[in-house]
Protein backbone atom coordinates (compact mmCIF):
# COMPACT_ATOMS: atom_id res chain seq x y z
CA MET A 1 -14.05 -15.61 19.62
CA ASN A 2 -14.44 -11.82 19.69
CA LEU A 3 -11.78 -11.29 21.98
CA SER A 4 -9.36 -12.96 19.20
CA PHE A 5 -10.44 -10.62 16.40
CA PHE A 6 -9.38 -7.92 18.28
CA ASP A 7 -6.04 -9.61 19.12
CA GLN A 8 -4.55 -8.23 16.14
CA PHE A 9 -4.25 -4.78 17.25
CA SER A 10 -2.44 -5.42 20.47
CA SER A 11 1.09 -5.15 19.59
CA PRO A 12 3.52 -7.99 20.21
CA HIS A 13 6.21 -8.87 22.09
CA LEU A 14 9.22 -10.78 22.54
CA PHE A 15 11.24 -11.30 25.41
CA GLY A 16 9.84 -8.29 27.04
CA ILE A 17 10.77 -5.71 23.69
CA PRO A 18 7.75 -4.52 21.94
CA LEU A 19 8.46 -5.91 18.20
CA ILE A 20 6.80 -2.77 16.72
CA LEU A 21 10.42 -0.71 17.21
CA LEU A 22 11.93 -3.65 15.04
CA SER A 23 9.14 -3.19 12.33
CA LEU A 24 9.67 0.57 12.15
CA LEU A 25 13.15 0.10 11.91
CA PHE A 26 12.67 -1.79 8.78
CA PRO A 27 11.81 0.54 6.18
CA ALA A 28 15.94 2.12 7.13
CA LEU A 29 17.25 -1.41 5.06
CA LEU A 30 15.26 0.27 1.65
CA PHE A 31 18.03 3.00 1.59
CA PRO A 32 20.98 2.41 -0.56
CA SER A 33 24.04 2.78 1.03
CA PRO A 34 26.40 5.21 -0.75
CA ASN A 35 28.23 3.92 -3.26
CA ASN A 36 29.84 4.88 -6.90
CA ARG A 37 26.72 3.96 -8.59
CA TRP A 38 24.32 5.79 -5.51
CA ILE A 39 22.39 8.32 -8.70
CA SER A 40 22.13 5.59 -11.25
CA ASN A 41 20.98 3.49 -8.65
CA ARG A 42 17.26 1.72 -9.68
CA LEU A 43 16.01 1.99 -6.42
CA SER A 44 17.36 5.17 -5.19
CA THR A 45 15.93 6.67 -8.49
CA LEU A 46 12.29 4.82 -7.71
CA GLN A 47 12.70 6.46 -4.33
CA THR A 48 13.42 9.80 -5.59
CA TRP A 49 10.64 10.05 -8.28
CA LEU A 50 8.16 8.63 -5.13
CA LEU A 51 9.47 11.03 -3.10
CA HIS A 52 8.87 13.73 -5.64
CA LEU A 53 5.54 12.77 -6.80
CA ILE A 54 4.19 12.99 -3.16
CA THR A 55 5.62 16.19 -2.39
CA LYS A 56 4.47 17.58 -5.77
CA GLN A 57 0.95 16.71 -4.77
CA LEU A 58 1.22 17.65 -1.18
CA MET A 59 2.47 21.61 -1.82
CA VAL A 60 -0.44 21.84 -4.71
CA PRO A 61 -2.90 23.40 -2.19
CA LEU A 62 -0.20 25.44 -0.50
CA ASN A 63 1.24 28.94 -1.58
CA LYS A 64 4.77 29.86 -1.22
CA ASN A 65 5.03 30.51 2.69
CA GLY A 66 3.93 26.90 3.48
CA HIS A 67 6.52 24.76 1.48
CA LYS A 68 8.77 25.33 4.47
CA TRP A 69 6.65 22.50 5.71
CA ALA A 70 7.14 20.33 2.88
CA MET A 71 10.18 17.70 4.29
CA MET A 72 7.87 17.62 7.61
CA LEU A 73 4.23 16.55 5.55
CA THR A 74 6.61 14.56 2.75
CA SER A 75 8.03 12.46 5.70
CA LEU A 76 5.21 12.21 7.46
CA MET A 77 3.32 10.71 4.33
CA VAL A 78 5.87 8.24 3.85
CA MET A 79 6.01 7.06 7.55
CA LEU A 80 1.71 6.53 7.37
CA LEU A 81 2.10 4.92 3.93
CA THR A 82 4.78 2.44 5.25
CA ILE A 83 3.41 1.40 8.56
CA ASN A 84 0.07 0.92 6.80
CA LEU A 85 1.07 -1.21 4.18
CA LEU A 86 3.53 -3.18 6.41
CA GLY A 87 0.51 -4.00 8.86
CA LEU A 88 -1.13 -6.16 6.11
CA LEU A 89 1.07 -8.48 6.02
CA PRO A 90 0.86 -11.70 8.12
CA TYR A 91 1.35 -12.10 11.22
CA THR A 92 2.13 -8.47 11.49
CA PHE A 93 1.00 -5.26 13.95
CA THR A 94 -0.33 -1.93 12.76
CA PRO A 95 0.39 0.97 14.82
CA THR A 96 -1.97 3.22 13.01
CA THR A 97 -4.75 1.33 14.18
CA GLN A 98 -4.44 2.63 17.70
CA LEU A 99 -6.15 5.87 18.33
CA SER A 100 -3.46 6.88 20.72
CA MET A 101 -0.97 7.23 17.82
CA ASN A 102 -3.17 8.53 15.72
CA MET A 103 -3.87 11.68 18.48
CA ALA A 104 -0.32 12.16 18.98
CA LEU A 105 0.23 12.73 15.50
CA ALA A 106 -3.11 14.19 14.27
CA PHE A 107 -2.98 17.24 17.58
CA PRO A 108 0.46 18.24 17.49
CA LEU A 109 0.39 19.00 14.01
CA TRP A 110 -3.35 20.88 13.83
CA LEU A 111 -2.02 22.60 17.13
CA ALA A 112 0.87 24.11 15.44
CA THR A 113 -1.01 25.10 12.23
CA LEU A 114 -3.64 26.51 14.34
CA LEU A 115 -1.02 28.57 16.12
CA THR A 116 1.03 29.60 13.07
CA GLY A 117 -2.02 31.28 11.86
CA LEU A 118 -2.54 33.11 15.07
CA ARG A 119 0.70 34.30 15.25
CA ASN A 120 1.24 35.39 11.65
CA GLN A 121 -2.77 36.57 10.76
CA PRO A 122 -4.62 36.80 13.95
CA SER A 123 -7.43 38.99 12.44
CA ALA A 124 -7.81 36.36 9.53
CA SER A 125 -7.53 33.49 11.13
CA LEU A 126 -10.47 34.57 13.78
CA ALA A 127 -12.54 35.36 11.18
CA HIS A 128 -13.16 32.15 9.70
CA LEU A 129 -15.31 32.05 13.32
CA LEU A 130 -17.59 33.62 11.84
CA PRO A 131 -19.11 33.56 7.84
CA GLU A 132 -19.24 37.31 6.43
CA GLY A 133 -22.89 38.63 5.95
CA THR A 134 -24.19 36.40 8.93
CA PRO A 135 -27.39 37.70 10.97
CA THR A 136 -26.68 39.56 14.05
CA PRO A 137 -28.85 37.17 16.01
CA LEU A 138 -26.91 33.97 14.60
CA ILE A 139 -23.62 35.04 15.59
CA PRO A 140 -23.37 33.38 18.69
CA ALA A 141 -24.50 30.21 17.85
CA LEU A 142 -22.54 30.06 14.50
CA ILE A 143 -19.18 31.32 16.74
CA LEU A 144 -20.15 28.34 18.73
CA ILE A 145 -20.48 26.01 15.77
CA GLU A 146 -17.26 27.23 14.55
CA THR A 147 -15.25 26.92 17.63
CA THR A 148 -16.71 23.33 17.61
CA SER A 149 -15.71 22.32 14.45
CA LEU A 150 -12.32 23.89 14.89
CA LEU A 151 -11.43 21.64 17.98
CA ILE A 152 -12.91 18.56 16.55
CA ARG A 153 -10.14 18.09 13.61
CA PRO A 154 -7.61 16.34 15.01
CA LEU A 155 -10.07 13.98 16.82
CA ALA A 156 -11.71 13.51 13.13
CA LEU A 157 -8.38 12.98 11.63
CA GLY A 158 -7.35 10.50 14.20
CA VAL A 159 -11.10 8.94 14.28
CA ARG A 160 -10.85 8.52 10.40
CA LEU A 161 -7.68 6.49 10.19
CA THR A 162 -8.16 4.77 13.13
CA ALA A 163 -11.54 3.32 12.11
CA ASN A 164 -10.90 2.65 8.34
CA LEU A 165 -7.82 0.37 9.06
CA THR A 166 -9.40 -1.06 11.80
CA ALA A 167 -12.50 -2.20 9.87
CA GLY A 168 -10.91 -3.36 6.92
CA HIS A 169 -7.93 -5.71 9.11
CA LEU A 170 -11.49 -7.33 11.15
CA LEU A 171 -13.33 -7.73 7.80
CA ILE A 172 -10.30 -9.60 6.26
CA GLN A 173 -10.20 -11.49 9.60
CA LEU A 174 -13.57 -12.75 9.54
CA ILE A 175 -13.57 -13.50 5.89
CA SER A 176 -10.83 -15.25 5.81
CA THR A 177 -11.92 -17.35 8.99
CA ALA A 178 -15.46 -18.03 7.35
CA SER A 179 -13.31 -19.51 4.40
CA ILE A 180 -11.54 -21.81 6.27
CA ALA A 181 -14.32 -23.05 8.17
CA LEU A 182 -16.32 -23.79 4.83
CA VAL A 183 -13.55 -25.76 3.37
CA PRO A 184 -14.67 -29.24 5.06
CA THR A 185 -18.51 -29.06 4.36
CA LEU A 186 -18.79 -26.27 1.19
CA PRO A 187 -15.47 -26.64 -0.65
CA VAL A 188 -17.32 -24.30 -3.54
CA VAL A 189 -17.92 -21.16 -1.36
CA SER A 190 -15.19 -21.67 0.23
CA ALA A 191 -13.02 -21.01 -2.76
CA LEU A 192 -15.22 -18.46 -3.34
CA THR A 193 -14.90 -16.48 -0.22
CA VAL A 194 -11.32 -16.81 -0.93
CA ILE A 195 -11.43 -14.72 -4.06
CA ILE A 196 -13.74 -12.21 -2.00
CA LEU A 197 -10.79 -11.82 0.25
CA LEU A 198 -8.30 -11.76 -2.43
CA LEU A 199 -9.90 -8.70 -3.98
CA LEU A 200 -10.52 -7.20 -0.21
CA THR A 201 -6.92 -7.65 0.45
CA ILE A 202 -6.05 -5.32 -2.66
CA LEU A 203 -9.15 -2.98 -1.55
CA GLU A 204 -7.12 -2.78 1.59
CA VAL A 205 -3.94 -2.18 0.39
CA ALA A 206 -5.55 1.14 -1.47
CA VAL A 207 -7.49 2.11 1.25
CA ALA A 208 -4.03 2.03 2.99
CA MET A 209 -2.41 4.16 0.79
CA ILE A 210 -5.75 6.48 0.19
CA GLN A 211 -5.61 7.08 3.94
CA ALA A 212 -2.26 8.19 4.61
CA TYR A 213 -2.74 10.44 1.99
CA VAL A 214 -5.90 11.64 2.99
CA PHE A 215 -4.65 12.87 6.34
CA VAL A 216 -1.63 14.35 5.67
CA LEU A 217 -3.65 16.12 2.64
CA LEU A 218 -6.26 17.48 5.33
CA LEU A 219 -3.38 18.66 7.37
CA SER A 220 -1.77 20.46 4.53
CA LEU A 221 -5.00 22.10 4.15
CA TYR A 222 -5.36 23.21 7.23
CA LEU A 223 -2.40 24.69 7.41
CA GLN A 224 -3.28 26.49 3.84
CA GLU A 225 -6.30 28.13 5.81
CA ASN A 226 -3.79 29.82 8.48
CA ILE A 227 -1.23 31.24 6.23
């Protein structure tokens, strides 16, 4: 029983082909095909408004030098948002519940922001490791602590996204299993459990959107520290 709860986090295969590849291609169907109504199309207008809103929110903490990262950060935000929301559909697989994928996104991007700071302003980047006015006896300990907190940032990014989505999916499956099991014996309690399940599903939609936004927002804040 316990193993079956975690089966939803394994990628399904069909004829030896991972179905995650097909699910990642699905968002391409949302893009409109070029025609005479491309500009006035409601779908393209909605997509343009959404992309403008996301880009504006992500660029708020960045100065002008960081706006060159706008395309990459916005693309990452849209990808995480799409994957998280598609993973809430029945009989689907959520790639962002895998720590390996989240770390593969977090570590290179964090390293890019760190190397950008070391290349452009090495003194200012290294100055973050030692707060101003630190007593001399505490300097070695604070440098060690700040270095550890700096190196743990990509792990925190990946674990935060993985833990929140994994916990939500497990909770939904546990409550849905309980509601089905209670139907023959306690139908009233089962109906109340279904109501709780619907509210939890709405909460999980919000969590999926918020976690994608937090992931990219923290990357933009790390970038701001180094530019």
